[in-house]
Amino acid sequence: MTGAPQVFDLSEVDADAPEVVLAWVERLRAAAARGPVIVRECPQMLAHTLYKSALLGDAIVLESVRAEEAYG
C-alpha cells in the first residue's frame, strides 16, 4: 500500500532513554509497513538507531535531525 507519506514530527519527543528509542523504532517500522514515512526533527539517538538498524531508505526518510546540545 502506497500513497501520501505518513509524517511524524518528533520535535517534542524526548528520546534519551533506550526504551523510548526502541518504542519509536517499532512504531516507525510498523508505519513503514503501511507506506512511506517521513520523520521531522528526529532525535539524534533515534536517527542513529534507525541508521544502524538499516531502516532508512525508501520506507523511512529523515527530513531533519535535531542538533541536540551536549550535557554540560
C-alpha atoms as a PDB file:
ATOM      1  CA  MET A   1       0.000   0.000   0.000  1.00  0.00           C
ATOM      2  CA  THR A   2       1.494   3.312  -1.053  1.00  0.00           C
ATOM      3  CA  GLY A   3       0.212   6.831  -1.134  1.00  0.00           C
ATOM      4  CA  ALA A   4       0.848  10.040   0.701  1.00  0.00           C
ATOM      5  CA  PRO A   5       3.676   9.656   3.189  1.00  0.00           C
ATOM      6  CA  GLN A   6       2.941   9.481   6.885  1.00  0.00           C
ATOM      7  CA  VAL A   7       4.705  12.400   8.559  1.00  0.00           C
ATOM      8  CA  PHE A   8       5.973  12.168  12.135  1.00  0.00           C
ATOM      9  CA  ASP A   9       7.126  15.418  13.755  1.00  0.00           C
ATOM     10  CA  LEU A  10       9.252  14.394  16.730  1.00  0.00           C
ATOM     11  CA  SER A  11      10.317  17.877  17.806  1.00  0.00           C
ATOM     12  CA  GLU A  12       8.723  17.389  21.225  1.00  0.00           C
ATOM     13  CA  VAL A  13       9.841  13.794  21.774  1.00  0.00           C
ATOM     14  CA  ASP A  14      12.462  13.200  24.464  1.00  0.00           C
ATOM     15  CA  ALA A  15      14.306  10.110  23.266  1.00  0.00           C
ATOM     16  CA  ASP A  16      17.225   9.926  25.680  1.00  0.00           C
ATOM     17  CA  ALA A  17      16.169   6.611  27.216  1.00  0.00           C
ATOM     18  CA  PRO A  18      16.871   3.416  25.243  1.00  0.00           C
ATOM     19  CA  GLU A  19      13.351   2.066  25.856  1.00  0.00           C
ATOM     20  CA  VAL A  20      11.844   5.211  24.306  1.00  0.00           C
ATOM     21  CA  VAL A  21      14.106   4.889  21.272  1.00  0.00           C
ATOM     22  CA  LEU A  22      13.182   1.225  20.817  1.00  0.00           C
ATOM     23  CA  ALA A  23       9.478   2.027  21.126  1.00  0.00           C
ATOM     24  CA  TRP A  24       9.810   4.657  18.380  1.00  0.00           C
ATOM     25  CA  VAL A  25      11.785   2.255  16.169  1.00  0.00           C
ATOM     26  CA  GLU A  26       8.960  -0.271  16.410  1.00  0.00           C
ATOM     27  CA  ARG A  27       6.298   2.391  15.826  1.00  0.00           C
ATOM     28  CA  LEU A  28       8.096   3.728  12.738  1.00  0.00           C
ATOM     29  CA  ARG A  29       8.773   0.208  11.431  1.00  0.00           C
ATOM     30  CA  ALA A  30       5.053  -0.618  11.720  1.00  0.00           C
ATOM     31  CA  ALA A  31       4.107   2.646   9.997  1.00  0.00           C
ATOM     32  CA  ALA A  32       6.589   1.940   7.181  1.00  0.00           C
ATOM     33  CA  ALA A  33       4.915  -1.428   6.606  1.00  0.00           C
ATOM     34  CA  ARG A  34       1.776   0.545   5.660  1.00  0.00           C
ATOM     35  CA  GLY A  35       3.545   3.067   3.410  1.00  0.00           C
ATOM     36  CA  PRO A  36       6.280   5.674   3.201  1.00  0.00           C
ATOM     37  CA  VAL A  37       7.262   7.548   6.370  1.00  0.00           C
ATOM     38  CA  ILE A  38       8.885  10.964   6.752  1.00  0.00           C
ATOM     39  CA  VAL A  39      10.389  11.866  10.121  1.00  0.00           C
ATOM     40  CA  ARG A  40      10.917  15.517  11.029  1.00  0.00           C
ATOM     41  CA  GLU A  41      13.104  16.775  13.870  1.00  0.00           C
ATOM     42  CA  CYS A  42      14.257  13.265  14.721  1.00  0.00           C
ATOM     43  CA  PRO A  43      16.247  12.970  17.970  1.00  0.00           C
ATOM     44  CA  GLN A  44      19.886  12.084  17.269  1.00  0.00           C
ATOM     45  CA  MET A  45      19.833   8.815  19.224  1.00  0.00           C
ATOM     46  CA  LEU A  46      16.762   7.627  17.305  1.00  0.00           C
ATOM     47  CA  ALA A  47      18.272   8.678  13.959  1.00  0.00           C
ATOM     48  CA  HIS A  48      21.427   6.729  14.774  1.00  0.00           C
ATOM     49  CA  THR A  49      19.442   3.655  15.813  1.00  0.00           C
ATOM     50  CA  LEU A  50      17.349   3.757  12.626  1.00  0.00           C
ATOM     51  CA  TYR A  51      20.549   4.008  10.592  1.00  0.00           C
ATOM     52  CA  LYS A  52      22.279   1.148  12.445  1.00  0.00           C
ATOM     53  CA  SER A  53      19.137  -0.981  12.064  1.00  0.00           C
ATOM     54  CA  ALA A  54      19.190  -0.392   8.282  1.00  0.00           C
ATOM     55  CA  LEU A  55      15.669   1.036   8.384  1.00  0.00           C
ATOM     56  CA  LEU A  56      16.423   4.236   6.496  1.00  0.00           C
ATOM     57  CA  GLY A  57      15.812   4.355   2.781  1.00  0.00           C
ATOM     58  CA  ASP A  58      12.684   4.336   0.675  1.00  0.00           C
ATOM     59  CA  ALA A  59      10.334   3.385   3.515  1.00  0.00           C
ATOM     60  CA  ILE A  60      11.637   5.716   6.260  1.00  0.00           C
ATOM     61  CA  VAL A  61      13.207   9.053   5.362  1.00  0.00           C
ATOM     62  CA  LEU A  62      14.653  11.538   7.830  1.00  0.00           C
ATOM     63  CA  GLU A  63      13.706  15.032   6.738  1.00  0.00           C
ATOM     64  CA  SER A  64      15.683  16.602   9.576  1.00  0.00           C
ATOM     65  CA  VAL A  65      17.635  15.538  12.647  1.00  0.00           C
ATOM     66  CA  ARG A  66      17.729  17.700  15.756  1.00  0.00           C
ATOM     67  CA  ALA A  67      21.024  19.289  16.686  1.00  0.00           C
ATOM     68  CA  GLU A  68      20.905  18.403  20.367  1.00  0.00           C
ATOM     69  CA  GLU A  69      23.128  20.106  22.869  1.00  0.00           C
ATOM     70  CA  ALA A  70      25.651  18.099  24.824  1.00  0.00           C
ATOM     71  CA  TYR A  71      25.087  17.687  28.513  1.00  0.00           C
ATOM     72  CA  GLY A  72      27.066  20.209  30.476  1.00  0.00           C
END
